[in-house]
């Protein structure tokens, strides 16, 4: 299992009550609900990193047989 980081914040009583109500309805702990919400928020804003088009560019250029990624003398 990946090591977790602790995130602590404060919310107003109304927000806390709403979140607790949702967690109770789903029969999950409040922190699991908040963890899921944060993950969905980050995915929505940044997108899923696995589907990032930048990763599709890896290896797409023909560098005329030069193994640039394997060179030991890459600095000028």
N, C-alpha and C. Protein backbone atom coordinates (compact mmCIF):
# COMPACT_ATOMS: atom_id res chain seq x y z
N UNK A 1 0.84 -1.18 0.00
CA UNK A 1 0.00 0.00 0.00
C UNK A 1 0.88 1.24 0.00
N UNK A 2 0.46 2.24 -0.76
CA UNK A 2 1.22 3.47 -0.82
C UNK A 2 1.12 4.22 0.50
N UNK A 3 2.17 4.90 0.82
CA UNK A 3 2.17 5.70 2.04
C UNK A 3 1.26 6.91 1.85
N UNK A 4 0.46 7.23 2.85
CA UNK A 4 -0.49 8.33 2.76
C UNK A 4 0.07 9.57 3.42
N UNK A 5 -0.43 10.71 2.99
CA UNK A 5 -0.10 11.99 3.59
C UNK A 5 -1.34 12.51 4.31
N UNK A 6 -1.13 13.21 5.40
CA UNK A 6 -2.24 13.75 6.18
C UNK A 6 -2.57 15.15 5.68
N UNK A 7 -3.86 15.39 5.44
CA UNK A 7 -4.36 16.71 5.07
C UNK A 7 -5.41 17.08 6.10
N UNK A 8 -5.24 18.23 6.71
CA UNK A 8 -6.17 18.65 7.75
C UNK A 8 -6.74 20.01 7.38
N UNK A 9 -8.05 20.18 7.57
CA UNK A 9 -8.69 21.46 7.26
C UNK A 9 -9.90 21.65 8.16
N UNK A 10 -10.48 22.81 8.06
CA UNK A 10 -11.70 23.12 8.82
C UNK A 10 -12.82 23.42 7.85
N UNK A 11 -14.02 22.99 8.20
CA UNK A 11 -15.21 23.31 7.41
C UNK A 11 -16.27 23.85 8.35
N UNK A 12 -17.20 24.59 7.77
CA UNK A 12 -18.27 25.13 8.60
C UNK A 12 -19.21 24.00 9.04
N UNK A 13 -19.95 24.22 10.12
CA UNK A 13 -20.83 23.16 10.65
C UNK A 13 -21.84 22.62 9.64
N UNK A 14 -22.34 23.49 8.77
CA UNK A 14 -23.31 23.04 7.78
C UNK A 14 -22.68 22.06 6.79
N UNK A 15 -21.49 22.39 6.30
CA UNK A 15 -20.80 21.50 5.37
C UNK A 15 -20.46 20.18 6.04
N UNK A 16 -20.01 20.25 7.28
CA UNK A 16 -19.68 19.03 8.02
C UNK A 16 -20.91 18.15 8.17
N UNK A 17 -22.04 18.75 8.51
CA UNK A 17 -23.27 17.98 8.68
C UNK A 17 -23.70 17.32 7.37
N UNK A 18 -23.58 18.05 6.27
CA UNK A 18 -23.94 17.49 4.97
C UNK A 18 -23.03 16.33 4.59
N UNK A 19 -21.73 16.51 4.80
CA UNK A 19 -20.78 15.44 4.49
C UNK A 19 -21.03 14.21 5.37
N UNK A 20 -21.27 14.46 6.65
CA UNK A 20 -21.52 13.35 7.57
C UNK A 20 -22.79 12.60 7.17
N UNK A 21 -23.81 13.33 6.75
CA UNK A 21 -25.07 12.72 6.31
C UNK A 21 -24.83 11.82 5.09
N UNK A 22 -24.06 12.30 4.13
CA UNK A 22 -23.75 11.50 2.94
C UNK A 22 -22.97 10.25 3.32
N UNK A 23 -21.97 10.42 4.20
CA UNK A 23 -21.17 9.28 4.65
C UNK A 23 -22.04 8.26 5.37
N UNK A 24 -22.94 8.73 6.21
CA UNK A 24 -23.84 7.82 6.93
C UNK A 24 -24.75 7.06 5.97
N UNK A 25 -25.29 7.76 4.98
CA UNK A 25 -26.16 7.11 3.99
C UNK A 25 -25.42 6.03 3.22
N UNK A 26 -24.14 6.27 2.95
CA UNK A 26 -23.34 5.30 2.19
C UNK A 26 -22.66 4.27 3.09
N UNK A 27 -22.82 4.43 4.40
CA UNK A 27 -22.22 3.52 5.39
C UNK A 27 -20.70 3.44 5.26
N UNK A 28 -20.09 4.62 5.09
CA UNK A 28 -18.63 4.70 5.04
C UNK A 28 -18.17 5.77 6.01
N UNK A 29 -16.92 5.71 6.47
CA UNK A 29 -16.42 6.75 7.36
C UNK A 29 -16.32 8.10 6.64
N UNK A 30 -16.45 9.16 7.40
CA UNK A 30 -16.37 10.50 6.84
C UNK A 30 -15.05 10.71 6.11
N UNK A 31 -13.95 10.22 6.68
CA UNK A 31 -12.66 10.45 6.02
C UNK A 31 -12.56 9.71 4.70
N UNK A 32 -13.23 8.58 4.55
CA UNK A 32 -13.24 7.88 3.27
C UNK A 32 -14.01 8.68 2.22
N UNK A 33 -15.10 9.28 2.65
CA UNK A 33 -15.90 10.12 1.75
C UNK A 33 -15.09 11.33 1.29
N UNK A 34 -14.41 11.99 2.22
CA UNK A 34 -13.62 13.17 1.88
C UNK A 34 -12.44 12.78 0.99
N UNK A 35 -11.80 11.66 1.28
CA UNK A 35 -10.69 11.17 0.45
C UNK A 35 -11.16 10.94 -0.98
N UNK A 36 -12.32 10.30 -1.13
CA UNK A 36 -12.88 10.04 -2.45
C UNK A 36 -13.20 11.35 -3.17
N UNK A 37 -13.78 12.30 -2.44
CA UNK A 37 -14.14 13.59 -3.03
C UNK A 37 -12.89 14.34 -3.50
N UNK A 38 -11.83 14.31 -2.71
CA UNK A 38 -10.59 14.98 -3.10
C UNK A 38 -9.97 14.33 -4.33
N UNK A 39 -10.01 13.01 -4.39
CA UNK A 39 -9.47 12.30 -5.56
C UNK A 39 -10.24 12.66 -6.82
N UNK A 40 -11.56 12.66 -6.71
CA UNK A 40 -12.39 13.02 -7.88
C UNK A 40 -12.15 14.47 -8.30
N UNK A 41 -11.99 15.36 -7.33
CA UNK A 41 -11.74 16.77 -7.63
C UNK A 41 -10.41 16.92 -8.38
N UNK A 42 -9.37 16.28 -7.88
CA UNK A 42 -8.05 16.37 -8.53
C UNK A 42 -8.10 15.76 -9.93
N UNK A 43 -8.78 14.63 -10.09
CA UNK A 43 -8.91 14.01 -11.41
C UNK A 43 -9.66 14.91 -12.38
N UNK A 44 -10.69 15.58 -11.89
CA UNK A 44 -11.47 16.45 -12.76
C UNK A 44 -10.66 17.66 -13.20
N UNK A 45 -9.88 18.24 -12.29
CA UNK A 45 -9.10 19.43 -12.64
C UNK A 45 -7.88 19.11 -13.47
N UNK A 46 -7.16 18.06 -13.11
CA UNK A 46 -5.92 17.74 -13.81
C UNK A 46 -6.08 16.60 -14.80
N UNK A 47 -7.15 15.88 -14.71
CA UNK A 47 -7.33 14.73 -15.57
C UNK A 47 -6.54 13.55 -15.05
N UNK A 48 -6.82 12.41 -15.61
CA UNK A 48 -6.11 11.20 -15.24
C UNK A 48 -4.74 11.25 -15.88
N UNK A 49 -3.68 11.14 -15.09
CA UNK A 49 -2.32 11.25 -15.62
C UNK A 49 -2.01 10.16 -16.63
N UNK A 50 -2.62 9.00 -16.49
CA UNK A 50 -2.37 7.92 -17.44
C UNK A 50 -2.85 8.26 -18.84
N UNK A 51 -3.84 9.13 -18.96
CA UNK A 51 -4.36 9.49 -20.28
C UNK A 51 -3.80 10.81 -20.78
N UNK A 52 -2.76 11.33 -20.15
CA UNK A 52 -2.14 12.59 -20.56
C UNK A 52 -1.48 12.40 -21.93
N UNK A 53 -1.83 13.23 -22.92
CA UNK A 53 -1.26 13.07 -24.26
C UNK A 53 0.25 13.27 -24.30
N UNK A 54 0.82 13.93 -23.32
CA UNK A 54 2.27 14.14 -23.30
C UNK A 54 3.01 12.81 -23.25
N UNK A 55 2.44 11.81 -22.57
CA UNK A 55 3.09 10.51 -22.49
C UNK A 55 3.08 9.79 -23.84
N UNK A 56 2.16 10.15 -24.71
CA UNK A 56 2.12 9.56 -26.04
C UNK A 56 3.26 10.01 -26.93
N UNK A 57 3.91 11.11 -26.59
CA UNK A 57 5.01 11.63 -27.39
C UNK A 57 6.31 10.88 -27.13
N UNK A 58 6.37 10.12 -26.06
CA UNK A 58 7.60 9.40 -25.74
C UNK A 58 7.90 8.38 -26.83
N UNK A 59 9.06 8.51 -27.42
CA UNK A 59 9.50 7.59 -28.45
C UNK A 59 8.92 7.83 -29.83
N UNK A 60 8.23 8.93 -30.06
CA UNK A 60 7.59 9.15 -31.35
C UNK A 60 8.50 9.84 -32.36
N UNK A 61 9.63 10.38 -31.94
CA UNK A 61 10.53 11.06 -32.87
C UNK A 61 11.63 10.13 -33.34
N UNK A 62 11.94 10.23 -34.62
CA UNK A 62 13.06 9.47 -35.17
C UNK A 62 14.29 10.37 -35.09
N UNK A 63 15.21 10.02 -34.23
CA UNK A 63 16.40 10.84 -34.02
C UNK A 63 17.59 10.26 -34.79
N UNK A 64 17.31 9.69 -35.94
CA UNK A 64 18.33 9.18 -36.85
C UNK A 64 19.26 8.18 -36.17
N UNK A 65 18.71 7.24 -35.42
CA UNK A 65 19.47 6.17 -34.82
C UNK A 65 20.23 6.54 -33.57
N UNK A 66 20.14 7.77 -33.14
CA UNK A 66 20.87 8.17 -31.93
C UNK A 66 20.05 7.80 -30.70
N UNK A 67 20.66 7.18 -29.77
CA UNK A 67 19.99 6.79 -28.53
C UNK A 67 20.17 7.89 -27.49
N UNK A 68 19.48 8.99 -27.70
CA UNK A 68 19.65 10.16 -26.84
C UNK A 68 19.36 9.85 -25.39
N UNK A 69 18.39 9.02 -25.12
CA UNK A 69 18.05 8.73 -23.72
C UNK A 69 19.07 7.83 -23.04
N UNK A 70 19.91 7.17 -23.83
CA UNK A 70 20.90 6.26 -23.27
C UNK A 70 22.30 6.87 -23.22
N UNK A 71 22.47 8.06 -23.75
CA UNK A 71 23.80 8.67 -23.80
C UNK A 71 24.28 9.03 -22.41
N UNK A 72 25.56 8.86 -22.20
CA UNK A 72 26.18 9.24 -20.93
C UNK A 72 26.71 10.67 -20.99
N UNK A 73 26.98 11.17 -22.20
CA UNK A 73 27.57 12.50 -22.38
C UNK A 73 26.54 13.51 -22.89
N UNK A 74 25.38 13.52 -22.30
CA UNK A 74 24.29 14.36 -22.80
C UNK A 74 24.48 15.83 -22.51
N UNK A 75 25.35 16.19 -21.59
CA UNK A 75 25.59 17.61 -21.32
C UNK A 75 26.62 18.16 -22.29
N UNK A 76 26.44 19.42 -22.74
CA UNK A 76 27.39 20.02 -23.68
C UNK A 76 28.76 20.25 -23.05
